[in-house]
Amino acid sequence: MQEILNEIALSLFYIVIIAILIENLVNESYRKYINVFLGLTVSMVLIAPIVENSDFLKFEFQKSLQRIESEFNQQGIYSQDIYRQALVQEYKSKLKDEIEDNVRDICGKKIQIVEMQIYENMDSPDFGKVYEIKIEGEYDGKVVEIISNKYHVRKDKIYFQKLR
């Protein structure tokens, strides 16, 4: 408790010194704004050490964090896993768009990729490589050649599904 009082006293001392300097140096027209600012500063100086050193508030904050963490753990949600999943999904989306654009640019065919499987283990050297792809529409050998050559997908792992 004595620490809190010492911090408050020291801070108030500095504020009084600043207030005296401001009173002597600042123009009358700005004085009301300075007084509002000093009032807010004094309020924060008085409240901050109490809040910082309040064991009750720290305890409640820690309990809240532990409760949230346990809820995530029960659901099997881990922040690093969520981040990795989001990165993989974003990568798959960009890769899908790139393949569709490349096929359209090279052979003039507009394709729609229905499903694409990639190596999702970020620690693997094969991360991001396509190992299976499903395309909507009729079979087209040119499309298979482009995807196979450019993205190193085995030809027997490129599937076409008929339009419904």
Protein backbone atom coordinates (compact mmCIF):
# COMPACT_ATOMS: atom_id res chain seq x y z
CA MET A 1 0.00 0.00 0.00
CA GLN A 2 2.89 2.31 0.78
CA GLU A 3 4.24 1.76 -2.77
CA ILE A 4 0.98 2.96 -4.25
CA LEU A 5 0.97 6.07 -2.09
CA ASN A 6 4.59 6.83 -3.00
CA GLU A 7 3.82 6.49 -6.73
CA ILE A 8 0.78 8.75 -6.43
CA ALA A 9 2.72 11.35 -4.41
CA LEU A 10 5.59 11.42 -6.90
CA SER A 11 3.23 11.72 -9.86
CA LEU A 12 1.25 14.50 -8.20
CA PHE A 13 4.49 16.33 -7.44
CA TYR A 14 5.39 16.28 -11.14
CA ILE A 15 1.89 17.40 -12.10
CA VAL A 16 2.03 20.34 -9.65
CA ILE A 17 5.39 21.44 -11.11
CA ILE A 18 3.98 21.20 -14.65
CA ALA A 19 0.81 23.07 -13.59
CA ILE A 20 2.89 25.92 -12.13
CA LEU A 21 4.95 26.17 -15.31
CA ILE A 22 1.84 26.12 -17.47
CA GLU A 23 0.14 28.79 -15.38
CA ASN A 24 3.06 31.13 -15.92
CA LEU A 25 3.80 30.35 -19.56
CA VAL A 26 0.45 29.68 -21.23
CA ASN A 27 -1.83 32.31 -22.70
CA GLU A 28 -5.21 32.94 -20.95
CA SER A 29 -7.23 31.72 -23.95
CA TYR A 30 -5.74 28.20 -23.71
CA ARG A 31 -5.91 27.93 -19.93
CA LYS A 32 -9.35 26.21 -19.79
CA TYR A 33 -8.12 23.46 -22.18
CA ILE A 34 -4.98 22.99 -20.12
CA ASN A 35 -7.07 22.72 -16.93
CA VAL A 36 -9.25 20.00 -18.49
CA PHE A 37 -6.13 18.13 -19.61
CA LEU A 38 -4.53 18.46 -16.15
CA GLY A 39 -7.75 17.25 -14.51
CA LEU A 40 -7.81 14.14 -16.69
CA THR A 41 -4.12 13.55 -16.06
CA VAL A 42 -4.55 13.81 -12.28
CA SER A 43 -7.48 11.38 -12.44
CA MET A 44 -5.42 8.86 -14.42
CA VAL A 45 -2.45 9.28 -12.10
CA LEU A 46 -4.63 8.57 -9.08
CA ILE A 47 -6.38 5.55 -10.61
CA ALA A 48 -3.50 3.87 -12.51
CA PRO A 49 -1.41 2.64 -9.52
CA ILE A 50 -4.51 1.30 -7.81
CA VAL A 51 -5.57 -0.64 -10.89
CA GLU A 52 -2.03 -1.85 -11.61
CA ASN A 53 -1.49 -3.16 -8.10
CA SER A 54 -4.96 -4.55 -7.55
CA ASP A 55 -4.58 -8.27 -7.02
CA PHE A 56 -8.33 -8.75 -7.39
CA LEU A 57 -8.40 -7.28 -10.90
CA LYS A 58 -5.33 -9.28 -11.93
CA PHE A 59 -6.90 -12.45 -10.53
CA GLU A 60 -10.18 -11.86 -12.38
CA PHE A 61 -8.32 -11.16 -15.62
CA GLN A 62 -6.27 -14.33 -15.28
CA LYS A 63 -9.40 -16.35 -14.49
CA SER A 64 -11.08 -14.99 -17.63
CA LEU A 65 -8.06 -15.90 -19.77
CA GLN A 66 -7.91 -19.39 -18.30
CA ARG A 67 -11.64 -19.91 -18.89
CA ILE A 68 -11.35 -18.86 -22.54
CA GLU A 69 -8.27 -21.02 -23.03
CA SER A 70 -9.96 -24.07 -21.51
CA GLU A 71 -13.03 -23.56 -23.73
CA PHE A 72 -10.81 -23.47 -26.81
CA ASN A 73 -8.89 -26.52 -25.64
CA GLN A 74 -12.13 -28.45 -25.06
CA GLN A 75 -13.21 -27.66 -28.60
CA GLY A 76 -9.78 -28.60 -29.92
CA ILE A 77 -9.10 -25.11 -31.19
CA TYR A 78 -5.53 -23.91 -31.02
CA SER A 79 -4.51 -20.52 -32.39
CA GLN A 80 -1.52 -21.84 -34.32
CA ASP A 81 -3.67 -24.53 -35.93
CA ILE A 82 -6.29 -21.97 -36.92
CA TYR A 83 -3.61 -19.75 -38.42
CA ARG A 84 -2.11 -22.64 -40.39
CA GLN A 85 -5.52 -23.75 -41.66
CA ALA A 86 -6.32 -20.23 -42.79
CA LEU A 87 -2.99 -20.00 -44.63
CA VAL A 88 -3.55 -23.34 -46.36
CA GLN A 89 -7.09 -22.36 -47.42
CA GLU A 90 -5.88 -19.03 -48.77
CA TYR A 91 -3.05 -20.76 -50.65
CA LYS A 92 -5.47 -23.32 -52.15
CA SER A 93 -7.82 -20.55 -53.26
CA LYS A 94 -5.02 -18.59 -54.96
CA LEU A 95 -3.61 -21.73 -56.58
CA LYS A 96 -7.05 -22.71 -57.90
CA ASP A 97 -7.50 -19.27 -59.45
CA GLU A 98 -3.99 -19.42 -60.94
CA ILE A 99 -4.59 -22.82 -62.55
CA GLU A 100 -7.92 -21.69 -64.02
CA ASP A 101 -6.32 -18.49 -65.37
CA ASN A 102 -3.32 -20.33 -66.84
CA VAL A 103 -5.51 -22.86 -68.65
CA ARG A 104 -7.68 -20.06 -70.03
CA ASP A 105 -4.62 -18.06 -71.15
CA ILE A 106 -2.78 -21.01 -72.74
CA CYS A 107 -5.55 -22.89 -74.53
CA GLY A 108 -8.51 -20.51 -74.34
CA LYS A 109 -10.70 -22.91 -72.34
CA LYS A 110 -12.55 -21.74 -69.28
CA ILE A 111 -12.46 -24.45 -66.65
CA GLN A 112 -13.98 -24.70 -63.20
CA ILE A 113 -12.00 -26.55 -60.54
CA VAL A 114 -14.47 -28.33 -58.29
CA GLU A 115 -12.03 -29.83 -55.83
CA MET A 116 -8.28 -29.77 -55.36
CA GLN A 117 -6.11 -31.74 -52.95
CA ILE A 118 -2.69 -30.42 -51.98
CA TYR A 119 -0.05 -31.48 -49.50
CA GLU A 120 -1.04 -29.42 -46.47
CA ASN A 121 1.83 -30.21 -44.11
CA MET A 122 3.75 -26.93 -43.91
CA ASP A 123 6.82 -28.70 -42.58
CA SER A 124 7.04 -30.97 -45.62
CA PRO A 125 9.10 -30.05 -48.70
CA ASP A 126 6.04 -31.06 -50.78
CA PHE A 127 3.84 -28.43 -49.12
CA GLY A 128 1.49 -26.81 -51.62
CA LYS A 129 1.97 -29.34 -54.41
CA VAL A 130 -1.24 -30.51 -56.05
CA TYR A 131 -1.73 -34.26 -55.94
CA GLU A 132 -5.33 -34.49 -57.10
CA ILE A 133 -7.68 -32.20 -58.97
CA LYS A 134 -11.31 -32.44 -60.12
CA ILE A 135 -12.51 -30.28 -62.98
CA GLU A 136 -16.07 -29.68 -64.02
CA GLY A 137 -16.86 -30.58 -67.63
CA GLU A 138 -15.93 -33.01 -70.38
CA TYR A 139 -12.47 -34.57 -70.57
CA ASP A 140 -9.93 -32.43 -72.44
CA GLY A 141 -6.44 -33.75 -73.17
CA LYS A 142 -5.02 -30.25 -73.64
CA VAL A 143 -6.13 -29.19 -70.16
CA VAL A 144 -4.65 -32.37 -68.69
CA GLU A 145 -1.31 -31.68 -70.41
CA ILE A 146 -1.17 -28.09 -69.15
CA ILE A 147 -1.97 -29.01 -65.54
CA SER A 148 0.31 -32.05 -65.60
CA ASN A 149 3.29 -30.22 -67.06
CA LYS A 150 3.01 -26.91 -65.26
CA TYR A 151 1.88 -28.13 -61.81
CA HIS A 152 3.46 -31.60 -61.84
CA VAL A 153 0.19 -33.43 -61.22
CA ARG A 154 0.05 -37.04 -62.33
CA LYS A 155 -2.31 -37.43 -65.28
CA ASP A 156 -4.24 -40.20 -63.57
CA LYS A 157 -4.98 -37.78 -60.67
CA ILE A 158 -6.71 -35.22 -62.92
CA TYR A 159 -10.42 -36.01 -62.99
CA PHE A 160 -13.26 -34.52 -64.97
CA GLN A 161 -16.84 -34.66 -63.80
CA LYS A 162 -19.77 -34.13 -66.12
CA LEU A 163 -21.97 -31.07 -65.87
CA ARG A 164 -25.26 -31.62 -64.18
